[in-house]
Amino acid sequence: MGCKWIFKIKRHSDGSIARHKAWLVAKGFSQEPGLDCGDTFSPMVKLATVHLVLALTAHFNWPLRQLDVKNAFLHDIL
């Protein structure tokens, strides 16, 4: 499965350049069911789940660690 870069220029209201943005997106239209992918992963979490986990760690004095999964996909071959 291939991928491509998408570039966009964000501008201020006066037309000056605010920042440059870029995304690396997968070409999902070329996937074949059962061949290219089997599982999907979404790094979204509900706020209620975060509150529950924080409450449990505080109540039971469990150690709490943070994991940044925002860029986890960069460590795999696309």
PDB file of N, CA and C in Angstrom:
ATOM      1  N   MET A   1       0.852  -1.168   0.000  1.00  0.00           N
ATOM      2  CA  MET A   1       0.000   0.000   0.000  1.00  0.00           C
ATOM      3  C   MET A   1       0.898   1.231   0.000  1.00  0.00           C
ATOM      4  N   GLY A   2       0.593   2.159  -0.841  1.00  0.00           N
ATOM      5  CA  GLY A   2       1.408   3.360  -0.961  1.00  0.00           C
ATOM      6  C   GLY A   2       0.955   4.473  -0.032  1.00  0.00           C
ATOM      7  N   CYS A   3       1.671   5.561  -0.080  1.00  0.00           N
ATOM      8  CA  CYS A   3       1.314   6.733   0.707  1.00  0.00           C
ATOM      9  C   CYS A   3       1.730   7.978  -0.086  1.00  0.00           C
ATOM     10  N   LYS A   4       1.201   9.115   0.330  1.00  0.00           N
ATOM     11  CA  LYS A   4       1.573  10.356  -0.341  1.00  0.00           C
ATOM     12  C   LYS A   4       1.541  11.508   0.661  1.00  0.00           C
ATOM     13  N   TRP A   5       2.266  12.570   0.345  1.00  0.00           N
ATOM     14  CA  TRP A   5       2.311  13.766   1.182  1.00  0.00           C
ATOM     15  C   TRP A   5       1.271  14.770   0.691  1.00  0.00           C
ATOM     16  N   ILE A   6       0.607  15.421   1.627  1.00  0.00           N
ATOM     17  CA  ILE A   6      -0.322  16.506   1.307  1.00  0.00           C
ATOM     18  C   ILE A   6       0.198  17.753   2.007  1.00  0.00           C
ATOM     19  N   PHE A   7       0.346  18.840   1.268  1.00  0.00           N
ATOM     20  CA  PHE A   7       0.869  20.086   1.805  1.00  0.00           C
ATOM     21  C   PHE A   7      -0.205  21.164   1.765  1.00  0.00           C
ATOM     22  N   LYS A   8      -0.222  22.027   2.778  1.00  0.00           N
ATOM     23  CA  LYS A   8      -1.180  23.123   2.824  1.00  0.00           C
ATOM     24  C   LYS A   8      -0.522  24.324   3.504  1.00  0.00           C
ATOM     25  N   ILE A   9      -0.835  25.507   3.018  1.00  0.00           N
ATOM     26  CA  ILE A   9      -0.328  26.742   3.622  1.00  0.00           C
ATOM     27  C   ILE A   9      -1.474  27.401   4.386  1.00  0.00           C
ATOM     28  N   LYS A  10      -1.294  27.587   5.682  1.00  0.00           N
ATOM     29  CA  LYS A  10      -2.287  28.279   6.504  1.00  0.00           C
ATOM     30  C   LYS A  10      -1.955  29.768   6.485  1.00  0.00           C
ATOM     31  N   ARG A  11      -2.967  30.596   6.274  1.00  0.00           N
ATOM     32  CA  ARG A  11      -2.755  32.039   6.154  1.00  0.00           C
ATOM     33  C   ARG A  11      -3.515  32.812   7.224  1.00  0.00           C
ATOM     34  N   HIS A  12      -2.971  33.979   7.583  1.00  0.00           N
ATOM     35  CA  HIS A  12      -3.655  34.921   8.466  1.00  0.00           C
ATOM     36  C   HIS A  12      -4.770  35.611   7.685  1.00  0.00           C
ATOM     37  N   SER A  13      -5.617  36.364   8.370  1.00  0.00           N
ATOM     38  CA  SER A  13      -6.723  37.048   7.695  1.00  0.00           C
ATOM     39  C   SER A  13      -6.232  38.104   6.696  1.00  0.00           C
ATOM     40  N   ASP A  14      -5.011  38.620   6.892  1.00  0.00           N
ATOM     41  CA  ASP A  14      -4.487  39.623   5.953  1.00  0.00           C
ATOM     42  C   ASP A  14      -3.792  38.990   4.744  1.00  0.00           C
ATOM     43  N   GLY A  15      -3.737  37.659   4.684  1.00  0.00           N
ATOM     44  CA  GLY A  15      -3.148  36.964   3.554  1.00  0.00           C
ATOM     45  C   GLY A  15      -1.710  36.532   3.760  1.00  0.00           C
ATOM     46  N   SER A  16      -1.071  36.960   4.843  1.00  0.00           N
ATOM     47  CA  SER A  16       0.310  36.549   5.096  1.00  0.00           C
ATOM     48  C   SER A  16       0.332  35.091   5.567  1.00  0.00           C
ATOM     49  N   ILE A  17       1.461  34.438   5.366  1.00  0.00           N
ATOM     50  CA  ILE A  17       1.597  33.018   5.702  1.00  0.00           C
ATOM     51  C   ILE A  17       1.747  32.852   7.212  1.00  0.00           C
ATOM     52  N   ALA A  18       0.879  32.028   7.787  1.00  0.00           N
ATOM     53  CA  ALA A  18       0.940  31.741   9.219  1.00  0.00           C
ATOM     54  C   ALA A  18       1.855  30.548   9.482  1.00  0.00           C
ATOM     55  N   ARG A  19       1.656  29.445   8.738  1.00  0.00           N
ATOM     56  CA  ARG A  19       2.496  28.255   8.890  1.00  0.00           C
ATOM     57  C   ARG A  19       2.265  27.318   7.719  1.00  0.00           C
ATOM     58  N   HIS A  20       3.190  26.402   7.563  1.00  0.00           N
ATOM     59  CA  HIS A  20       3.092  25.365   6.545  1.00  0.00           C
ATOM     60  C   HIS A  20       2.706  24.063   7.247  1.00  0.00           C
ATOM     61  N   LYS A  21       1.755  23.317   6.684  1.00  0.00           N
ATOM     62  CA  LYS A  21       1.330  22.049   7.268  1.00  0.00           C
ATOM     63  C   LYS A  21       1.553  20.936   6.255  1.00  0.00           C
ATOM     64  N   ALA A  22       1.851  19.737   6.760  1.00  0.00           N
ATOM     65  CA  ALA A  22       2.053  18.581   5.898  1.00  0.00           C
ATOM     66  C   ALA A  22       1.503  17.341   6.581  1.00  0.00           C
ATOM     67  N   TRP A  23       0.894  16.445   5.784  1.00  0.00           N
ATOM     68  CA  TRP A  23       0.375  15.180   6.275  1.00  0.00           C
ATOM     69  C   TRP A  23       0.896  14.066   5.391  1.00  0.00           C
ATOM     70  N   LEU A  24       1.217  12.939   6.010  1.00  0.00           N
ATOM     71  CA  LEU A  24       1.541  11.728   5.263  1.00  0.00           C
ATOM     72  C   LEU A  24       0.327  10.819   5.378  1.00  0.00           C
ATOM     73  N   VAL A  25      -0.337  10.564   4.265  1.00  0.00           N
ATOM     74  CA  VAL A  25      -1.566   9.772   4.295  1.00  0.00           C
ATOM     75  C   VAL A  25      -1.384   8.493   3.477  1.00  0.00           C
ATOM     76  N   ALA A  26      -2.052   7.440   3.949  1.00  0.00           N
ATOM     77  CA  ALA A  26      -2.013   6.158   3.246  1.00  0.00           C
ATOM     78  C   ALA A  26      -3.046   6.153   2.138  1.00  0.00           C
ATOM     79  N   LYS A  27      -2.714   5.509   1.054  1.00  0.00           N
ATOM     80  CA  LYS A  27      -3.651   5.379  -0.060  1.00  0.00           C
ATOM     81  C   LYS A  27      -4.519   4.142   0.196  1.00  0.00           C
ATOM     82  N   GLY A  28      -5.516   4.301   1.039  1.00  0.00           N
ATOM     83  CA  GLY A  28      -6.355   3.185   1.447  1.00  0.00           C
ATOM     84  C   GLY A  28      -7.196   2.593   0.342  1.00  0.00           C
ATOM     85  N   PHE A  29      -7.422   3.333  -0.728  1.00  0.00           N
ATOM     86  CA  PHE A  29      -8.244   2.825  -1.829  1.00  0.00           C
ATOM     87  C   PHE A  29      -7.600   1.650  -2.549  1.00  0.00           C
ATOM     88  N   SER A  30      -6.303   1.460  -2.363  1.00  0.00           N
ATOM     89  CA  SER A  30      -5.613   0.365  -3.042  1.00  0.00           C
ATOM     90  C   SER A  30      -5.542  -0.896  -2.184  1.00  0.00           C
ATOM     91  N   GLN A  31      -6.169  -0.905  -1.011  1.00  0.00           N
ATOM     92  CA  GLN A  31      -6.135  -2.064  -0.123  1.00  0.00           C
ATOM     93  C   GLN A  31      -7.026  -3.181  -0.652  1.00  0.00           C
ATOM     94  N   GLU A  32      -6.623  -4.404  -0.356  1.00  0.00           N
ATOM     95  CA  GLU A  32      -7.438  -5.569  -0.667  1.00  0.00           C
ATOM     96  C   GLU A  32      -7.796  -6.243   0.652  1.00  0.00           C
ATOM     97  N   PRO A  33      -9.094  -6.491   0.912  1.00  0.00           N
ATOM     98  CA  PRO A  33      -9.515  -7.106   2.175  1.00  0.00           C
ATOM     99  C   PRO A  33      -8.809  -8.439   2.418  1.00  0.00           C
ATOM    100  N   GLY A  34      -8.293  -8.603   3.638  1.00  0.00           N
ATOM    101  CA  GLY A  34      -7.620  -9.831   4.017  1.00  0.00           C
ATOM    102  C   GLY A  34      -6.184  -9.938   3.555  1.00  0.00           C
ATOM    103  N   LEU A  35      -5.733  -9.015   2.713  1.00  0.00           N
ATOM    104  CA  LEU A  35      -4.369  -9.082   2.207  1.00  0.00           C
ATOM    105  C   LEU A  35      -3.503  -7.974   2.790  1.00  0.00           C
ATOM    106  N   ASP A  36      -3.929  -6.726   2.651  1.00  0.00           N
ATOM    107  CA  ASP A  36      -3.126  -5.594   3.093  1.00  0.00           C
ATOM    108  C   ASP A  36      -3.297  -5.266   4.569  1.00  0.00           C
ATOM    109  N   CYS A  37      -4.476  -5.486   5.097  1.00  0.00           N
ATOM    110  CA  CYS A  37      -4.687  -5.122   6.495  1.00  0.00           C
ATOM    111  C   CYS A  37      -5.734  -6.030   7.106  1.00  0.00           C
ATOM    112  N   GLY A  38      -5.635  -6.225   8.405  1.00  0.00           N
ATOM    113  CA  GLY A  38      -6.617  -7.034   9.113  1.00  0.00           C
ATOM    114  C   GLY A  38      -7.182  -6.294  10.304  1.00  0.00           C
ATOM    115  N   ASP A  39      -6.361  -5.472  10.921  1.00  0.00           N
ATOM    116  CA  ASP A  39      -6.780  -4.737  12.111  1.00  0.00           C
ATOM    117  C   ASP A  39      -6.644  -3.247  11.869  1.00  0.00           C
ATOM    118  N   THR A  40      -7.448  -2.485  12.582  1.00  0.00           N
ATOM    119  CA  THR A  40      -7.331  -1.031  12.558  1.00  0.00           C
ATOM    120  C   THR A  40      -7.086  -0.554  13.972  1.00  0.00           C
ATOM    121  N   PHE A  41      -6.451   0.580  14.104  1.00  0.00           N
ATOM    122  CA  PHE A  41      -6.146   1.147  15.415  1.00  0.00           C
ATOM    123  C   PHE A  41      -6.452   2.625  15.386  1.00  0.00           C
ATOM    124  N   SER A  42      -7.162   3.070  16.398  1.00  0.00           N
ATOM    125  CA  SER A  42      -7.468   4.484  16.520  1.00  0.00           C
ATOM    126  C   SER A  42      -6.988   4.962  17.889  1.00  0.00           C
ATOM    127  N   PRO A  43      -6.066   5.925  17.943  1.00  0.00           N
ATOM    128  CA  PRO A  43      -5.528   6.367  19.222  1.00  0.00           C
ATOM    129  C   PRO A  43      -6.430   7.348  19.962  1.00  0.00           C
ATOM    130  N   MET A  44      -7.736   7.228  19.785  1.00  0.00           N
ATOM    131  CA  MET A  44      -8.671   8.124  20.465  1.00  0.00           C
ATOM    132  C   MET A  44      -9.109   7.493  21.789  1.00  0.00           C
ATOM    133  N   VAL A  45      -9.276   8.316  22.790  1.00  0.00           N
ATOM    134  CA  VAL A  45      -9.725   7.836  24.091  1.00  0.00           C
ATOM    135  C   VAL A  45     -10.819   8.773  24.595  1.00  0.00           C
ATOM    136  N   LYS A  46     -11.788   8.200  25.283  1.00  0.00           N
ATOM    137  CA  LYS A  46     -12.859   9.019  25.833  1.00  0.00           C
ATOM    138  C   LYS A  46     -12.375   9.669  27.121  1.00  0.00           C
ATOM    139  N   LEU A  47     -12.846  10.884  27.374  1.00  0.00           N
ATOM    140  CA  LEU A  47     -12.440  11.612  28.570  1.00  0.00           C
ATOM    141  C   LEU A  47     -12.846  10.885  29.842  1.00  0.00           C
ATOM    142  N   ALA A  48     -13.986  10.206  29.818  1.00  0.00           N
ATOM    143  CA  ALA A  48     -14.437   9.451  30.997  1.00  0.00           C
ATOM    144  C   ALA A  48     -13.457   8.328  31.337  1.00  0.00           C
ATOM    145  N   THR A  49     -12.840   7.717  30.316  1.00  0.00           N
ATOM    146  CA  THR A  49     -11.847   6.670  30.554  1.00  0.00           C
ATOM    147  C   THR A  49     -10.609   7.237  31.218  1.00  0.00           C
ATOM    148  N   VAL A  50     -10.170   8.405  30.789  1.00  0.00           N
ATOM    149  CA  VAL A  50      -9.006   9.060  31.404  1.00  0.00           C
ATOM    150  C   VAL A  50      -9.306   9.375  32.869  1.00  0.00           C
ATOM    151  N   HIS A  51     -10.494   9.887  33.147  1.00  0.00           N
ATOM    152  CA  HIS A  51     -10.874  10.203  34.530  1.00  0.00           C
ATOM    153  C   HIS A  51     -10.877   8.940  35.388  1.00  0.00           C
ATOM    154  N   LEU A  52     -11.406   7.836  34.855  1.00  0.00           N
ATOM    155  CA  LEU A  52     -11.452   6.580  35.600  1.00  0.00           C
ATOM    156  C   LEU A  52     -10.053   6.064  35.909  1.00  0.00           C
ATOM    157  N   VAL A  53      -9.172   6.088  34.922  1.00  0.00           N
ATOM    158  CA  VAL A  53      -7.803   5.607  35.133  1.00  0.00           C
ATOM    159  C   VAL A  53      -7.075   6.474  36.158  1.00  0.00           C
ATOM    160  N   LEU A  54      -7.236   7.782  36.077  1.00  0.00           N
ATOM    161  CA  LEU A  54      -6.586   8.669  37.059  1.00  0.00           C
ATOM    162  C   LEU A  54      -7.144   8.453  38.456  1.00  0.00           C
ATOM    163  N   ALA A  55      -8.442   8.228  38.567  1.00  0.00           N
ATOM    164  CA  ALA A  55      -9.050   7.973  39.874  1.00  0.00           C
ATOM    165  C   ALA A  55      -8.549   6.662  40.469  1.00  0.00           C
ATOM    166  N   LEU A  56      -8.441   5.618  39.639  1.00  0.00           N
ATOM    167  CA  LEU A  56      -7.949   4.329  40.134  1.00  0.00           C
ATOM    168  C   LEU A  56      -6.487   4.409  40.562  1.00  0.00           C
ATOM    169  N   THR A  57      -5.657   5.102  39.791  1.00  0.00           N
ATOM    170  CA  THR A  57      -4.243   5.219  40.169  1.00  0.00           C
ATOM    171  C   THR A  57      -4.077   6.015  41.457  1.00  0.00           C
ATOM    172  N   ALA A  58      -4.897   7.036  41.656  1.00  0.00           N
ATOM    173  CA  ALA A  58      -4.814   7.812  42.892  1.00  0.00           C
ATOM    174  C   ALA A  58      -5.312   6.999  44.083  1.00  0.00           C
ATOM    175  N   HIS A  59      -6.386   6.243  43.904  1.00  0.00           N
ATOM    176  CA  HIS A  59      -6.974   5.469  45.003  1.00  0.00           C
ATOM    177  C   HIS A  59      -6.058   4.330  45.455  1.00  0.00           C
ATOM    178  N   PHE A  60      -5.457   3.597  44.500  1.00  0.00           N
ATOM    179  CA  PHE A  60      -4.629   2.450  44.822  1.00  0.00           C
ATOM    180  C   PHE A  60      -3.134   2.769  44.873  1.00  0.00           C
ATOM    181  N   ASN A  61      -2.767   4.047  44.724  1.00  0.00           N
ATOM    182  CA  ASN A  61      -1.358   4.475  44.725  1.00  0.00           C
ATOM    183  C   ASN A  61      -0.522   3.719  43.688  1.00  0.00           C
ATOM    184  N   TRP A  62      -1.090   3.499  42.517  1.00  0.00           N
ATOM    185  CA  TRP A  62      -0.380   2.846  41.437  1.00  0.00           C
ATOM    186  C   TRP A  62       0.539   3.847  40.753  1.00  0.00           C
ATOM    187  N   PRO A  63       1.677   3.381  40.194  1.00  0.00           N
ATOM    188  CA  PRO A  63       2.524   4.298  39.416  1.00  0.00           C
ATOM    189  C   PRO A  63       1.833   4.638  38.092  1.00  0.00           C
ATOM    190  N   LEU A  64       2.020   5.851  37.642  1.00  0.00           N
ATOM    191  CA  LEU A  64       1.390   6.306  36.401  1.00  0.00           C
ATOM    192  C   LEU A  64       2.475   6.745  35.432  1.00  0.00           C
ATOM    193  N   ARG A  65       2.415   6.228  34.201  1.00  0.00           N
ATOM    194  CA  ARG A  65       3.378   6.600  33.167  1.00  0.00           C
ATOM    195  C   ARG A  65       2.634   7.122  31.959  1.00  0.00           C
ATOM    196  N   GLN A  66       3.299   7.961  31.199  1.00  0.00           N
ATOM    197  CA  GLN A  66       2.701   8.529  29.997  1.00  0.00           C
ATOM    198  C   GLN A  66       3.372   7.939  28.769  1.00  0.00           C
ATOM    199  N   LEU A  67       2.573   7.637  27.753  1.00  0.00           N
ATOM    200  CA  LEU A  67       3.084   7.111  26.499  1.00  0.00           C
ATOM    201  C   LEU A  67       2.548   7.974  25.366  1.00  0.00           C
ATOM    202  N   ASP A  68       3.442   8.494  24.550  1.00  0.00           N
ATOM    203  CA  ASP A  68       3.042   9.321  23.424  1.00  0.00           C
ATOM    204  C   ASP A  68       2.853   8.432  22.209  1.00  0.00           C
ATOM    205  N   VAL A  69       1.589   8.214  21.803  1.00  0.00           N
ATOM    206  CA  VAL A  69       1.313   7.373  20.643  1.00  0.00           C
ATOM    207  C   VAL A  69       1.022   8.206  19.405  1.00  0.00           C
ATOM    208  N   LYS A  70       1.191   9.507  19.500  1.00  0.00           N
ATOM    209  CA  LYS A  70       0.892  10.386  18.369  1.00  0.00           C
ATOM    210  C   LYS A  70       1.755  10.041  17.164  1.00  0.00           C
ATOM    211  N   ASN A  71       3.012   9.712  17.393  1.00  0.00           N
ATOM    212  CA  ASN A  71       3.935   9.417  16.302  1.00  0.00           C
ATOM    213  C   ASN A  71       4.335   7.949  16.265  1.00  0.00           C
ATOM    214  N   ALA A  72       3.566   7.074  16.886  1.00  0.00           N
ATOM    215  CA  ALA A  72       3.930   5.662  16.922  1.00  0.00           C
ATOM    216  C   ALA A  72       3.958   5.039  15.534  1.00  0.00           C
ATOM    217  N   PHE A  73       3.111   5.524  14.604  1.00  0.00           N
ATOM    218  CA  PHE A  73       3.062   4.955  13.263  1.00  0.00           C
ATOM    219  C   PHE A  73       4.345   5.196  12.473  1.00  0.00           C
ATOM    220  N   LEU A  74       5.190   6.144  12.925  1.00  0.00           N
ATOM    221  CA  LEU A  74       6.415   6.451  12.203  1.00  0.00           C
ATOM    222  C   LEU A  74       7.455   5.344  12.308  1.00  0.00           C
ATOM    223  N   HIS A  75       7.265   4.412  13.264  1.00  0.00           N
ATOM    224  CA  HIS A  75       8.250   3.358  13.477  1.00  0.00           C
ATOM    225  C   HIS A  75       7.931   2.094  12.688  1.00  0.00           C
ATOM    226  N   ASP A  76       6.989   2.162  11.762  1.00  0.00           N
ATOM    227  CA  ASP A  76       6.610   1.009  10.960  1.00  0.00           C
ATOM    228  C   ASP A  76       6.827   1.330   9.483  1.00  0.00           C
ATOM    229  N   ILE A  77       6.922   0.317   8.682  1.00  0.00           N
ATOM    230  CA  ILE A  77       7.097   0.517   7.244  1.00  0.00           C
ATOM    231  C   ILE A  77       5.734   0.775   6.635  1.00  0.00           C
ATOM    232  N   LEU A  78       5.615   1.868   5.869  1.00  0.00           N
ATOM    233  CA  LEU A  78       4.360   2.181   5.199  1.00  0.00           C
ATOM    234  C   LEU A  78       4.384   1.691   3.771  1.00  0.00           C
TER     235      LEU A  78
END
